[in-house]
């Protein structure tokens, strides 16, 4: 008498059963490609990191970057240079994003309001986040306010906790430096941040509305706002680009018609 063997059923499951399985995976949040393992099987080649993990990592990096919602649409593809100074800044910023970490200096974008300084700074952050680097955005006045709030005894944070991501992020954008009233505390805090990143060779992107040279003697320069020492340090650690042009926010397309 011949022995009997259990033969596995190789037939495909009913279509309804497959749909139910897919629905359960979707409801549970389990990836339908890697089934929660994080590794995707590539037939004939092996395994690789699943796209779901790459997307999750990218999402975390974007959230950590703290880019304000106002600038969510800012990217290189949405920036439209209007003159040679803006074209030069755009070219340098995009090249820096591609070349990092093989770069020696950060970037200081100078210019009046509405010429696209923050747009380019955010574009650099987004480009580097897409490459997997940790980035952080701070409006400088907002950073100072967070540090001041840490001195409040009721606060659940500390100055060290506030500054830790500022010091440790691969790339930092400090937007609008020089706008805060230049008290001794402001300059000391700014020096602490800039010198720490300088010593650690961390890439920093600065933007400012203040220039090095002004036509009207009553206007203040960047050196007036941040001091001689810090302006000298910025010369050393960042490439200075002056962006010229009209305030795009005052363009005709942005003005509502009269009724």
Protein backbone atom coordinates (compact mmCIF):
# COMPACT_ATOMS: atom_id res chain seq x y z
CA UNK A 1 0.00 0.00 0.00
CA UNK A 2 1.45 3.37 -1.03
CA UNK A 3 2.00 5.97 1.74
CA UNK A 4 -0.14 9.10 1.66
CA UNK A 5 1.38 12.63 1.78
CA UNK A 6 -0.20 15.95 2.59
CA UNK A 7 -0.15 18.00 -0.60
CA UNK A 8 -0.29 21.81 -0.02
CA UNK A 9 -3.08 23.66 -1.74
CA UNK A 10 -1.36 25.89 -4.32
CA UNK A 11 -4.54 27.26 -5.80
CA UNK A 12 -5.18 30.97 -5.41
CA UNK A 13 -7.55 31.95 -2.61
CA UNK A 14 -10.97 33.18 -3.63
CA UNK A 15 -11.03 36.79 -4.80
CA UNK A 16 -13.32 37.78 -1.92
CA UNK A 17 -10.83 36.36 0.60
CA UNK A 18 -7.96 38.33 -1.00
CA UNK A 19 -9.97 41.54 -0.85
CA UNK A 20 -10.77 40.92 2.81
CA UNK A 21 -7.07 40.41 3.55
CA UNK A 22 -6.17 43.67 1.78
CA UNK A 23 -8.88 45.55 3.66
CA UNK A 24 -7.62 44.19 7.00
CA UNK A 25 -4.05 45.24 6.16
CA UNK A 26 -5.25 48.71 5.13
CA UNK A 27 -7.26 49.09 8.33
CA UNK A 28 -4.35 47.99 10.49
CA UNK A 29 -1.92 50.29 8.67
CA UNK A 30 0.25 47.38 7.56
CA UNK A 31 2.07 47.95 4.26
CA UNK A 32 0.77 45.72 1.48
CA UNK A 33 4.27 45.39 0.01
CA UNK A 34 6.45 44.43 2.99
CA UNK A 35 3.61 43.39 5.36
CA UNK A 36 5.17 45.39 8.17
CA UNK A 37 8.67 43.90 7.92
CA UNK A 38 10.22 47.03 6.44
CA UNK A 39 11.95 44.97 3.73
CA UNK A 40 10.65 44.59 0.19
CA UNK A 41 11.33 41.37 -1.75
CA UNK A 42 12.72 41.98 -5.23
CA UNK A 43 12.29 38.83 -7.28
CA UNK A 44 15.59 37.39 -8.45
CA UNK A 45 17.65 40.04 -6.65
CA UNK A 46 17.01 39.90 -2.93
CA UNK A 47 15.52 42.42 -0.53
CA UNK A 48 15.69 46.16 -0.10
CA UNK A 49 14.28 48.77 2.24
CA UNK A 50 10.58 49.19 1.58
CA UNK A 51 9.20 52.46 0.21
CA UNK A 52 6.86 52.71 3.22
CA UNK A 53 9.86 53.05 5.55
CA UNK A 54 11.49 55.62 3.29
CA UNK A 55 8.27 57.65 3.25
CA UNK A 56 7.89 57.41 7.02
CA UNK A 57 11.49 58.53 7.52
CA UNK A 58 11.00 61.46 5.15
CA UNK A 59 7.81 62.49 6.95
CA UNK A 60 9.58 62.46 10.32
CA UNK A 61 12.44 64.57 8.98
CA UNK A 62 10.02 67.12 7.50
CA UNK A 63 8.13 67.37 10.80
CA UNK A 64 11.37 67.72 12.74
CA UNK A 65 12.52 70.50 10.40
CA UNK A 66 9.69 72.72 11.74
CA UNK A 67 9.17 74.51 8.44
CA UNK A 68 6.27 76.96 8.98
CA UNK A 69 3.06 76.19 7.11
CA UNK A 70 3.44 79.52 5.35
CA UNK A 71 6.36 78.06 3.41
CA UNK A 72 5.00 74.57 2.70
CA UNK A 73 4.81 75.32 -1.05
CA UNK A 74 8.36 76.67 -1.23
CA UNK A 75 10.77 74.57 -3.27
CA UNK A 76 13.32 75.13 -6.00
CA UNK A 77 10.79 74.28 -8.71
CA UNK A 78 8.40 76.99 -7.47
CA UNK A 79 11.05 79.74 -7.26
CA UNK A 80 11.10 82.09 -10.24
CA UNK A 81 14.18 84.37 -10.41
CA UNK A 82 13.36 87.84 -11.70
CA UNK A 83 16.85 89.33 -12.09
CA UNK A 84 20.54 88.32 -12.21
CA UNK A 85 21.04 88.59 -8.43
CA UNK A 86 18.14 86.20 -7.80
CA UNK A 87 19.35 83.84 -10.54
CA UNK A 88 22.80 83.77 -8.94
CA UNK A 89 21.34 83.02 -5.50
CA UNK A 90 19.11 80.30 -6.96
CA UNK A 91 22.06 78.69 -8.74
CA UNK A 92 24.28 78.76 -5.66
CA UNK A 93 21.54 77.43 -3.36
CA UNK A 94 20.64 74.53 -5.66
CA UNK A 95 24.31 73.63 -6.16
CA UNK A 96 24.93 73.71 -2.40
CA UNK A 97 21.98 71.35 -1.89
CA UNK A 98 23.39 68.86 -4.38
CA UNK A 99 27.01 69.11 -3.20
CA UNK A 100 26.42 68.83 0.57
CA UNK A 101 28.22 67.58 2.63
CA UNK A 102 31.19 68.36 0.37
CA UNK A 103 30.84 72.12 1.02
CA UNK A 104 33.07 74.44 3.01
CA UNK A 105 30.65 77.26 3.78
CA UNK A 106 27.04 77.95 4.58
CA UNK A 107 25.05 80.79 3.06
CA UNK A 108 24.03 84.30 4.08
CA UNK A 109 21.18 85.69 1.96
CA UNK A 110 20.85 89.47 2.20
CA UNK A 111 18.18 91.65 0.69
CA UNK A 112 15.07 93.70 1.23
CA UNK A 113 11.73 92.10 2.03
CA UNK A 114 10.00 89.99 -0.60
CA UNK A 115 12.95 89.04 -2.81
CA UNK A 116 12.80 85.31 -2.02
CA UNK A 117 15.45 84.81 0.67
CA UNK A 118 13.35 82.57 2.89
CA UNK A 119 11.96 80.74 -0.14
CA UNK A 120 15.48 79.68 -1.14
CA UNK A 121 16.49 78.85 2.43
CA UNK A 122 13.46 76.56 2.82
CA UNK A 123 14.18 75.03 -0.59
CA UNK A 124 17.65 74.07 0.61
CA UNK A 125 16.16 72.47 3.74
CA UNK A 126 13.61 70.49 1.76
CA UNK A 127 16.20 69.33 -0.75
CA UNK A 128 18.48 68.10 2.03
CA UNK A 129 15.61 66.46 3.93
CA UNK A 130 14.85 64.51 0.74
CA UNK A 131 18.46 63.33 0.83
CA UNK A 132 18.00 62.11 4.41
CA UNK A 133 19.75 64.85 6.41
CA UNK A 134 18.37 66.31 9.64
CA UNK A 135 17.37 69.96 9.23
CA UNK A 136 15.86 72.66 11.41
CA UNK A 137 14.19 76.00 10.65
CA UNK A 138 14.02 78.87 13.13
CA UNK A 139 12.90 82.43 12.78
CA UNK A 140 15.54 84.01 14.99
CA UNK A 141 13.11 86.09 17.03
CA UNK A 142 11.04 82.96 17.68
CA UNK A 143 14.11 81.07 18.86
CA UNK A 144 14.94 83.85 21.29
CA UNK A 145 11.38 83.72 22.62
CA UNK A 146 11.64 79.95 23.19
CA UNK A 147 14.87 80.45 25.12
CA UNK A 148 13.31 83.20 27.23
CA UNK A 149 10.30 80.99 27.98
CA UNK A 150 12.64 78.28 29.26
CA UNK A 151 13.61 80.62 32.11
CA UNK A 152 10.02 80.57 33.38
CA UNK A 153 9.86 78.34 36.50
CA UNK A 154 6.49 77.01 35.31
CA UNK A 155 8.01 75.88 32.01
CA UNK A 156 8.66 72.16 31.54
CA UNK A 157 11.71 72.78 29.36
CA UNK A 158 15.20 74.19 29.76
CA UNK A 159 17.55 76.34 27.71
CA UNK A 160 19.69 73.29 26.99
CA UNK A 161 16.68 71.37 25.68
CA UNK A 162 15.70 74.28 23.43
CA UNK A 163 19.21 74.67 22.03
CA UNK A 164 20.03 70.97 21.62
CA UNK A 165 18.39 70.60 18.18
CA UNK A 166 19.81 73.98 17.16
CA UNK A 167 23.31 72.69 17.84
CA UNK A 168 22.87 69.12 16.61
CA UNK A 169 20.93 69.45 13.34
CA UNK A 170 23.00 68.79 10.24
CA UNK A 171 21.61 71.92 8.61
CA UNK A 172 20.11 74.94 10.35
CA UNK A 173 18.25 77.91 8.88
CA UNK A 174 18.26 81.06 11.00
CA UNK A 175 15.73 83.35 9.35
CA UNK A 176 15.66 87.10 9.87
CA UNK A 177 18.82 87.57 11.91
CA UNK A 178 19.27 91.14 13.05
CA UNK A 179 15.57 91.91 13.45
CA UNK A 180 15.54 91.50 17.23
CA UNK A 181 16.59 94.49 19.32
CA UNK A 182 20.40 94.17 19.68
CA UNK A 183 20.67 93.94 23.46
CA UNK A 184 23.69 92.34 25.14
CA UNK A 185 21.63 89.20 25.85
CA UNK A 186 20.52 88.90 22.22
CA UNK A 187 24.08 89.27 20.95
CA UNK A 188 25.44 86.82 23.53
CA UNK A 189 22.78 84.25 22.61
CA UNK A 190 23.42 84.72 18.90
CA UNK A 191 27.16 84.36 19.46
CA UNK A 192 26.61 81.16 21.45
CA UNK A 193 24.55 79.59 18.64
CA UNK A 194 26.77 80.72 15.77
CA UNK A 195 30.08 79.92 17.47
CA UNK A 196 28.91 76.44 18.51
CA UNK A 197 27.87 75.54 14.96
CA UNK A 198 31.03 77.14 13.58
CA UNK A 199 33.25 75.06 15.87
CA UNK A 200 31.32 71.87 15.05
CA UNK A 201 31.49 72.65 11.30
CA UNK A 202 27.71 72.50 10.94
CA UNK A 203 26.13 74.00 7.83
CA UNK A 204 24.08 77.11 8.63
CA UNK A 205 21.89 79.18 6.31
CA UNK A 206 21.15 82.78 7.36
CA UNK A 207 18.73 85.33 5.95
CA UNK A 208 18.58 89.02 6.82
CA UNK A 209 16.97 92.25 5.64
CA UNK A 210 20.03 94.23 6.70
CA UNK A 211 22.88 94.96 4.29
CA UNK A 212 26.59 95.65 4.75
CA UNK A 213 26.32 98.97 2.91
CA UNK A 214 23.43 101.40 3.07
CA UNK A 215 22.68 104.47 0.97
CA UNK A 216 21.14 106.38 3.84
CA UNK A 217 23.38 106.92 6.88
CA UNK A 218 20.32 106.77 9.12
CA UNK A 219 19.76 103.12 8.12
CA UNK A 220 21.47 100.38 10.11
CA UNK A 221 23.82 97.79 8.65
CA UNK A 222 23.96 94.14 9.62
CA UNK A 223 27.11 94.91 11.59
CA UNK A 224 25.18 97.54 13.56
CA UNK A 225 22.60 94.91 14.47
CA UNK A 226 24.77 91.92 15.36
CA UNK A 227 28.16 93.46 16.16
CA UNK A 228 31.59 93.47 14.53
CA UNK A 229 32.72 90.07 15.85
CA UNK A 230 29.68 88.14 14.68
CA UNK A 231 29.68 89.79 11.26
CA UNK A 232 33.33 88.78 10.91
CA UNK A 233 32.47 85.20 11.87
CA UNK A 234 29.70 85.10 9.27
CA UNK A 235 32.18 86.21 6.60
CA UNK A 236 34.25 83.17 7.46
CA UNK A 237 31.53 80.53 7.77
CA UNK A 238 29.13 81.53 4.99
CA UNK A 239 28.99 82.80 1.43
CA UNK A 240 27.27 86.21 1.27
CA UNK A 241 24.81 86.79 -1.57
CA UNK A 242 22.87 90.04 -1.96
CA UNK A 243 19.46 89.57 -3.57
CA UNK A 244 17.85 92.57 -5.22
CA UNK A 245 14.39 93.18 -6.60
CA UNK A 246 10.90 94.36 -5.86
CA UNK A 247 8.76 92.93 -3.07
CA UNK A 248 6.80 90.15 -4.80
CA UNK A 249 4.04 90.54 -2.20
CA UNK A 250 3.24 93.95 -3.67
CA UNK A 251 2.89 92.66 -7.22
CA UNK A 252 -0.26 93.55 -9.13
CA UNK A 253 -1.45 89.92 -9.11
CA UNK A 254 -1.58 89.97 -5.32
CA UNK A 255 -3.75 93.08 -5.10
CA UNK A 256 -7.49 92.46 -4.94
CA UNK A 257 -9.49 94.48 -7.48
CA UNK A 258 -11.71 97.30 -6.26
CA UNK A 259 -15.43 96.61 -6.20
